[in-house]
Amino acid sequence: MTGPPLDGVHPEPGPSQSQVELVVPAEPAYLAVLRTASAGLAACLDLDLDEIEDLRIAVDEASTLLLSGAVLGDQLRAVFVLDEDSMAIEVSGPATTLPERSSIAWTVLEALAGQVEANDAVAGRPSVVRLRHERRRRKQLG
């Protein structure tokens, strides 16, 4: 499954960006590490609490999709790229195929993250889910 390419979704840091990479065992117990990192990094962008929670849940959903078929020794890899107004996240894992885009998991991901792209495993490369969240503009008081 290949989604449409999204400009700027692929995490490749530029000069004004920061990159964080985490690799954890592909086991449900380690999803908490990725959720916590997502929330902490989102807070660094000064996102509001709703946006932080949305990204935390989106990373959890993406990671869960990628656990399908995991065996002992498999890993989940998450790369977070932050700039002034957005966060791009790429999560890769052992799943060989991802669910259809019409599934509830994709609906949740798209609602929470904004932009979503995915690729099934191919030629020895893992399946990948890419998310991109742009900071919401806050209303000015007064």
N, C-alpha and C. Protein backbone atom coordinates (compact mmCIF):
# COMPACT_ATOMS: atom_id res chain seq x y z
N MET A 1 0.84 -1.16 0.00
CA MET A 1 0.00 0.00 0.00
C MET A 1 0.89 1.22 0.00
N THR A 2 0.64 2.09 -0.93
CA THR A 2 1.41 3.32 -0.99
C THR A 2 0.44 4.48 -1.05
N GLY A 3 0.61 5.37 -0.14
CA GLY A 3 -0.22 6.56 -0.13
C GLY A 3 0.40 7.62 -1.01
N PRO A 4 -0.32 8.72 -1.23
CA PRO A 4 0.23 9.78 -2.05
C PRO A 4 1.41 10.42 -1.34
N PRO A 5 2.43 10.84 -2.09
CA PRO A 5 3.58 11.47 -1.45
C PRO A 5 3.16 12.79 -0.81
N LEU A 6 3.70 13.05 0.35
CA LEU A 6 3.40 14.29 1.06
C LEU A 6 4.68 15.09 1.18
N ASP A 7 4.68 16.30 0.62
CA ASP A 7 5.86 17.14 0.72
C ASP A 7 6.21 17.38 2.17
N GLY A 8 7.45 17.16 2.52
CA GLY A 8 7.93 17.45 3.86
C GLY A 8 7.59 16.40 4.90
N VAL A 9 6.96 15.29 4.53
CA VAL A 9 6.62 14.28 5.52
C VAL A 9 7.84 13.44 5.85
N HIS A 10 8.68 13.18 4.89
CA HIS A 10 9.85 12.34 5.13
C HIS A 10 10.79 13.04 6.09
N PRO A 11 11.09 12.40 7.21
CA PRO A 11 11.92 13.05 8.20
C PRO A 11 13.38 13.16 7.77
N GLU A 12 13.74 14.26 7.23
CA GLU A 12 15.13 14.56 6.92
C GLU A 12 15.38 15.96 7.42
N PRO A 13 16.13 16.09 8.51
CA PRO A 13 16.26 17.39 9.14
C PRO A 13 17.04 18.40 8.31
N GLY A 14 16.55 19.63 8.34
CA GLY A 14 17.26 20.74 7.73
C GLY A 14 18.00 21.50 8.82
N PRO A 15 18.62 22.61 8.46
CA PRO A 15 19.44 23.34 9.42
C PRO A 15 18.68 23.88 10.62
N SER A 16 17.39 24.16 10.48
CA SER A 16 16.62 24.71 11.61
C SER A 16 15.76 23.65 12.28
N GLN A 17 16.07 22.39 12.03
CA GLN A 17 15.26 21.31 12.58
C GLN A 17 16.08 20.45 13.55
N SER A 18 15.34 19.75 14.40
CA SER A 18 15.94 18.79 15.32
C SER A 18 15.42 17.41 15.00
N GLN A 19 16.25 16.40 15.14
CA GLN A 19 15.84 15.02 14.88
C GLN A 19 16.13 14.16 16.10
N VAL A 20 15.15 13.32 16.43
CA VAL A 20 15.28 12.34 17.51
C VAL A 20 14.91 10.99 16.94
N GLU A 21 15.71 9.99 17.19
CA GLU A 21 15.43 8.64 16.72
C GLU A 21 15.40 7.68 17.90
N LEU A 22 14.37 6.84 17.95
CA LEU A 22 14.23 5.83 18.99
C LEU A 22 14.06 4.46 18.33
N VAL A 23 14.72 3.46 18.88
CA VAL A 23 14.54 2.09 18.43
C VAL A 23 14.19 1.27 19.66
N VAL A 24 13.04 0.58 19.60
CA VAL A 24 12.58 -0.23 20.72
C VAL A 24 12.19 -1.61 20.22
N PRO A 25 12.17 -2.60 21.11
CA PRO A 25 11.69 -3.92 20.70
C PRO A 25 10.25 -3.83 20.18
N ALA A 26 9.93 -4.63 19.17
CA ALA A 26 8.59 -4.63 18.58
C ALA A 26 7.65 -5.46 19.45
N GLU A 27 7.38 -4.92 20.64
CA GLU A 27 6.50 -5.55 21.60
C GLU A 27 5.56 -4.49 22.16
N PRO A 28 4.29 -4.85 22.39
CA PRO A 28 3.32 -3.87 22.87
C PRO A 28 3.77 -3.10 24.12
N ALA A 29 4.50 -3.73 25.01
CA ALA A 29 4.93 -3.07 26.24
C ALA A 29 5.80 -1.85 25.97
N TYR A 30 6.50 -1.82 24.84
CA TYR A 30 7.41 -0.72 24.54
C TYR A 30 6.73 0.44 23.81
N LEU A 31 5.46 0.29 23.47
CA LEU A 31 4.76 1.40 22.83
C LEU A 31 4.66 2.60 23.76
N ALA A 32 4.65 2.35 25.07
CA ALA A 32 4.60 3.45 26.04
C ALA A 32 5.81 4.37 25.89
N VAL A 33 6.95 3.82 25.53
CA VAL A 33 8.15 4.64 25.33
C VAL A 33 7.94 5.59 24.15
N LEU A 34 7.38 5.08 23.06
CA LEU A 34 7.14 5.92 21.88
C LEU A 34 6.06 6.96 22.16
N ARG A 35 5.02 6.55 22.89
CA ARG A 35 3.96 7.52 23.24
C ARG A 35 4.51 8.65 24.09
N THR A 36 5.32 8.29 25.08
CA THR A 36 5.88 9.30 25.97
C THR A 36 6.83 10.23 25.22
N ALA A 37 7.66 9.67 24.36
CA ALA A 37 8.57 10.51 23.57
C ALA A 37 7.78 11.44 22.66
N SER A 38 6.70 10.94 22.06
CA SER A 38 5.87 11.77 21.18
C SER A 38 5.31 12.96 21.93
N ALA A 39 4.78 12.70 23.12
CA ALA A 39 4.19 13.77 23.93
C ALA A 39 5.26 14.77 24.35
N GLY A 40 6.40 14.28 24.78
CA GLY A 40 7.47 15.18 25.22
C GLY A 40 7.98 16.06 24.08
N LEU A 41 8.16 15.48 22.91
CA LEU A 41 8.64 16.25 21.77
C LEU A 41 7.58 17.24 21.29
N ALA A 42 6.32 16.84 21.32
CA ALA A 42 5.24 17.76 20.94
C ALA A 42 5.20 18.95 21.89
N ALA A 43 5.46 18.70 23.16
CA ALA A 43 5.49 19.79 24.14
C ALA A 43 6.63 20.76 23.83
N CYS A 44 7.74 20.25 23.28
CA CYS A 44 8.85 21.14 22.89
C CYS A 44 8.44 22.13 21.81
N LEU A 45 7.44 21.77 21.03
CA LEU A 45 6.94 22.66 19.98
C LEU A 45 5.90 23.64 20.51
N ASP A 46 5.64 23.56 21.80
CA ASP A 46 4.65 24.43 22.43
C ASP A 46 3.25 24.18 21.84
N LEU A 47 2.96 22.91 21.54
CA LEU A 47 1.63 22.55 21.08
C LEU A 47 0.68 22.59 22.25
N ASP A 48 -0.61 22.77 21.97
CA ASP A 48 -1.57 22.76 23.07
C ASP A 48 -1.83 21.32 23.50
N LEU A 49 -2.50 21.17 24.64
CA LEU A 49 -2.68 19.83 25.21
C LEU A 49 -3.43 18.89 24.28
N ASP A 50 -4.42 19.39 23.55
CA ASP A 50 -5.15 18.55 22.60
C ASP A 50 -4.25 18.04 21.48
N GLU A 51 -3.40 18.91 20.96
CA GLU A 51 -2.48 18.51 19.89
C GLU A 51 -1.47 17.47 20.40
N ILE A 52 -0.97 17.67 21.60
CA ILE A 52 -0.03 16.73 22.19
C ILE A 52 -0.68 15.35 22.33
N GLU A 53 -1.89 15.34 22.84
CA GLU A 53 -2.60 14.06 23.02
C GLU A 53 -2.90 13.41 21.66
N ASP A 54 -3.28 14.21 20.67
CA ASP A 54 -3.54 13.68 19.33
C ASP A 54 -2.30 13.00 18.75
N LEU A 55 -1.14 13.65 18.88
CA LEU A 55 0.08 13.05 18.35
C LEU A 55 0.48 11.80 19.12
N ARG A 56 0.30 11.82 20.42
CA ARG A 56 0.62 10.66 21.24
C ARG A 56 -0.20 9.45 20.78
N ILE A 57 -1.49 9.66 20.58
CA ILE A 57 -2.37 8.58 20.14
C ILE A 57 -2.05 8.16 18.70
N ALA A 58 -1.75 9.12 17.84
CA ALA A 58 -1.42 8.80 16.45
C ALA A 58 -0.17 7.92 16.36
N VAL A 59 0.85 8.24 17.14
CA VAL A 59 2.07 7.42 17.13
C VAL A 59 1.76 6.03 17.67
N ASP A 60 0.93 5.95 18.69
CA ASP A 60 0.53 4.65 19.22
C ASP A 60 -0.20 3.83 18.15
N GLU A 61 -1.15 4.45 17.45
CA GLU A 61 -1.89 3.74 16.39
C GLU A 61 -0.96 3.28 15.28
N ALA A 62 -0.07 4.16 14.83
CA ALA A 62 0.86 3.80 13.76
C ALA A 62 1.76 2.64 14.20
N SER A 63 2.25 2.72 15.42
CA SER A 63 3.13 1.66 15.94
C SER A 63 2.40 0.34 16.06
N THR A 64 1.16 0.39 16.52
CA THR A 64 0.36 -0.83 16.65
C THR A 64 0.15 -1.49 15.30
N LEU A 65 -0.10 -0.70 14.26
CA LEU A 65 -0.25 -1.26 12.91
C LEU A 65 1.01 -2.00 12.48
N LEU A 66 2.15 -1.50 12.89
CA LEU A 66 3.43 -2.05 12.46
C LEU A 66 3.89 -3.26 13.27
N LEU A 67 3.17 -3.60 14.33
CA LEU A 67 3.53 -4.75 15.15
C LEU A 67 3.05 -6.08 14.58
N SER A 68 2.14 -6.05 13.64
CA SER A 68 1.57 -7.27 13.09
C SER A 68 2.67 -8.19 12.57
N GLY A 69 2.67 -9.41 13.06
CA GLY A 69 3.64 -10.40 12.62
C GLY A 69 5.00 -10.30 13.27
N ALA A 70 5.12 -9.45 14.29
CA ALA A 70 6.42 -9.28 14.95
C ALA A 70 6.83 -10.57 15.67
N VAL A 71 8.11 -10.87 15.61
CA VAL A 71 8.69 -12.00 16.34
C VAL A 71 9.80 -11.47 17.23
N LEU A 72 10.22 -12.29 18.17
CA LEU A 72 11.27 -11.90 19.10
C LEU A 72 12.48 -11.40 18.34
N GLY A 73 12.97 -10.25 18.72
CA GLY A 73 14.13 -9.65 18.06
C GLY A 73 13.78 -8.56 17.07
N ASP A 74 12.52 -8.49 16.63
CA ASP A 74 12.11 -7.41 15.72
C ASP A 74 12.10 -6.09 16.47
N GLN A 75 12.19 -5.00 15.71
CA GLN A 75 12.24 -3.67 16.31
C GLN A 75 11.26 -2.71 15.65
N LEU A 76 10.85 -1.72 16.42
CA LEU A 76 10.14 -0.56 15.91
C LEU A 76 11.13 0.60 15.94
N ARG A 77 11.14 1.38 14.89
CA ARG A 77 12.03 2.55 14.80
C ARG A 77 11.16 3.76 14.57
N ALA A 78 11.36 4.79 15.38
CA ALA A 78 10.62 6.05 15.22
C ALA A 78 11.61 7.19 15.06
N VAL A 79 11.41 7.98 14.02
CA VAL A 79 12.23 9.16 13.79
C VAL A 79 11.31 10.36 13.85
N PHE A 80 11.64 11.31 14.70
CA PHE A 80 10.87 12.53 14.89
C PHE A 80 11.72 13.70 14.38
N VAL A 81 11.15 14.52 13.50
CA VAL A 81 11.85 15.71 13.03
C VAL A 81 10.97 16.90 13.37
N LEU A 82 11.53 17.82 14.16
CA LEU A 82 10.80 18.98 14.63
C LEU A 82 11.36 20.25 14.00
N ASP A 83 10.45 21.14 13.59
CA ASP A 83 10.88 22.48 13.23
C ASP A 83 9.98 23.46 13.98
N GLU A 84 9.98 24.70 13.61
CA GLU A 84 9.26 25.72 14.37
C GLU A 84 7.76 25.44 14.50
N ASP A 85 7.14 24.95 13.44
CA ASP A 85 5.69 24.83 13.41
C ASP A 85 5.15 23.45 13.12
N SER A 86 6.01 22.43 13.07
CA SER A 86 5.51 21.11 12.70
C SER A 86 6.40 20.00 13.24
N MET A 87 5.83 18.81 13.19
CA MET A 87 6.58 17.61 13.54
C MET A 87 6.27 16.55 12.49
N ALA A 88 7.34 15.98 11.93
CA ALA A 88 7.21 14.85 11.02
C ALA A 88 7.68 13.62 11.77
N ILE A 89 6.95 12.54 11.65
CA ILE A 89 7.27 11.31 12.37
C ILE A 89 7.24 10.16 11.37
N GLU A 90 8.27 9.35 11.40
CA GLU A 90 8.31 8.15 10.58
C GLU A 90 8.50 6.97 11.52
N VAL A 91 7.55 6.04 11.48
CA VAL A 91 7.63 4.83 12.30
C VAL A 91 7.73 3.65 11.35
N SER A 92 8.71 2.78 11.58
CA SER A 92 8.85 1.59 10.74
C SER A 92 8.88 0.36 11.64
N GLY A 93 8.40 -0.74 11.08
CA GLY A 93 8.33 -1.96 11.88
C GLY A 93 8.14 -3.20 11.04
N PRO A 94 7.97 -4.34 11.71
CA PRO A 94 8.02 -5.65 11.06
C PRO A 94 6.79 -6.04 10.24
N ALA A 95 5.67 -5.34 10.34
CA ALA A 95 4.49 -5.75 9.57
C ALA A 95 4.84 -5.81 8.09
N THR A 96 4.42 -6.87 7.41
CA THR A 96 4.71 -6.97 5.98
C THR A 96 3.67 -6.25 5.14
N THR A 97 2.44 -6.24 5.62
CA THR A 97 1.39 -5.48 4.94
C THR A 97 0.61 -4.70 5.99
N LEU A 98 0.13 -3.56 5.59
CA LEU A 98 -0.65 -2.71 6.48
C LEU A 98 -2.13 -2.83 6.12
N PRO A 99 -3.02 -2.51 7.05
CA PRO A 99 -4.45 -2.60 6.77
C PRO A 99 -4.85 -1.66 5.62
N GLU A 100 -6.01 -1.96 5.05
CA GLU A 100 -6.55 -1.12 3.98
C GLU A 100 -6.78 0.30 4.48
N ARG A 101 -6.64 1.27 3.60
CA ARG A 101 -6.82 2.68 3.98
C ARG A 101 -8.24 2.97 4.45
N SER A 102 -9.19 2.10 4.15
CA SER A 102 -10.57 2.32 4.58
C SER A 102 -10.82 1.84 6.01
N SER A 103 -9.80 1.26 6.66
CA SER A 103 -9.99 0.73 8.01
C SER A 103 -10.11 1.87 9.04
N ILE A 104 -10.66 1.52 10.20
CA ILE A 104 -10.84 2.51 11.26
C ILE A 104 -9.50 3.05 11.74
N ALA A 105 -8.45 2.23 11.72
CA ALA A 105 -7.12 2.69 12.15
C ALA A 105 -6.64 3.87 11.31
N TRP A 106 -6.86 3.80 9.99
CA TRP A 106 -6.44 4.91 9.12
C TRP A 106 -7.28 6.14 9.36
N THR A 107 -8.57 5.94 9.57
CA THR A 107 -9.45 7.08 9.85
C THR A 107 -8.98 7.81 11.10
N VAL A 108 -8.64 7.03 12.13
CA VAL A 108 -8.13 7.62 13.38
C VAL A 108 -6.82 8.36 13.12
N LEU A 109 -5.89 7.72 12.42
CA LEU A 109 -4.59 8.35 12.14
C LEU A 109 -4.74 9.67 11.39
N GLU A 110 -5.56 9.67 10.36
CA GLU A 110 -5.73 10.88 9.56
C GLU A 110 -6.40 11.99 10.36
N ALA A 111 -7.33 11.63 11.23
CA ALA A 111 -8.00 12.63 12.06
C ALA A 111 -7.05 13.23 13.09
N LEU A 112 -6.15 12.41 13.61
CA LEU A 112 -5.25 12.87 14.68
C LEU A 112 -4.01 13.58 14.17
N ALA A 113 -3.41 13.05 13.11
CA ALA A 113 -2.11 13.56 12.68
C ALA A 113 -2.20 14.60 11.58
N GLY A 114 -3.24 14.59 10.80
CA GLY A 114 -3.33 15.51 9.68
C GLY A 114 -2.91 14.81 8.40
N GLN A 115 -1.61 14.69 8.15
CA GLN A 115 -1.11 14.05 6.94
C GLN A 115 -0.54 12.69 7.30
N VAL A 116 -0.93 11.69 6.48
CA VAL A 116 -0.47 10.32 6.73
C VAL A 116 -0.06 9.70 5.40
N GLU A 117 1.04 9.00 5.42
CA GLU A 117 1.54 8.27 4.25
C GLU A 117 2.04 6.92 4.75
N ALA A 118 1.92 5.89 3.94
CA ALA A 118 2.38 4.57 4.38
C ALA A 118 2.89 3.75 3.20
N ASN A 119 3.80 2.84 3.52
CA ASN A 119 4.33 1.91 2.54
C ASN A 119 4.46 0.54 3.18
N ASP A 120 3.99 -0.49 2.48
CA ASP A 120 4.19 -1.87 2.92
C ASP A 120 5.67 -2.23 2.78
N ALA A 121 6.07 -3.28 3.49
CA ALA A 121 7.44 -3.78 3.38
C ALA A 121 7.69 -4.23 1.95
N VAL A 122 8.90 -3.94 1.47
CA VAL A 122 9.27 -4.35 0.12
C VAL A 122 10.79 -4.48 0.04
N ALA A 123 11.25 -5.49 -0.63
CA ALA A 123 12.68 -5.70 -0.91
C ALA A 123 13.55 -5.55 0.34
N GLY A 124 13.14 -6.20 1.43
CA GLY A 124 13.94 -6.17 2.64
C GLY A 124 13.78 -4.91 3.48
N ARG A 125 12.98 -3.97 3.02
CA ARG A 125 12.74 -2.75 3.79
C ARG A 125 11.47 -2.93 4.61
N PRO A 126 11.44 -2.37 5.82
CA PRO A 126 10.26 -2.54 6.67
C PRO A 126 9.08 -1.70 6.20
N SER A 127 7.90 -2.05 6.70
CA SER A 127 6.73 -1.21 6.47
C SER A 127 6.94 0.11 7.21
N VAL A 128 6.38 1.18 6.66
CA VAL A 128 6.60 2.51 7.22
C VAL A 128 5.28 3.27 7.24
N VAL A 129 5.06 4.00 8.34
CA VAL A 129 3.95 4.95 8.43
C VAL A 129 4.58 6.30 8.73
N ARG A 130 4.23 7.31 7.92
CA ARG A 130 4.74 8.67 8.11
C ARG A 130 3.58 9.59 8.49
N LEU A 131 3.81 10.39 9.49
CA LEU A 131 2.81 11.34 9.97
C LEU A 131 3.41 12.74 9.93
N ARG A 132 2.57 13.71 9.72
CA ARG A 132 3.03 15.11 9.79
C ARG A 132 1.93 15.92 10.44
N HIS A 133 2.32 16.68 11.44
CA HIS A 133 1.37 17.54 12.15
C HIS A 133 1.87 18.98 12.10
N GLU A 134 1.03 19.87 11.61
CA GLU A 134 1.32 21.30 11.61
C GLU A 134 0.66 21.92 12.84
N ARG A 135 1.39 22.79 13.53
CA ARG A 135 0.83 23.44 14.71
C ARG A 135 -0.41 24.25 14.32
N ARG A 136 -1.46 24.07 15.10
CA ARG A 136 -2.69 24.83 14.88
C ARG A 136 -2.46 26.28 15.27
N ARG A 137 -3.03 27.16 14.55
CA ARG A 137 -2.91 28.59 14.87
C ARG A 137 -3.86 28.89 16.01
N ARG A 138 -3.35 29.54 17.03
CA ARG A 138 -4.18 29.89 18.18
C ARG A 138 -4.83 31.25 17.97
N LYS A 139 -6.04 31.35 18.45
CA LYS A 139 -6.74 32.63 18.38
C LYS A 139 -6.13 33.59 19.38
N GLN A 140 -5.95 34.81 18.94
CA GLN A 140 -5.42 35.84 19.82
C GLN A 140 -6.53 36.40 20.69
N LEU A 141 -6.26 36.52 21.96
CA LEU A 141 -7.24 37.10 22.88
C LEU A 141 -7.11 38.62 22.87
N GLY A 142 -8.26 39.27 23.05
CA GLY A 142 -8.20 40.71 23.22
C GLY A 142 -8.57 41.41 22.03
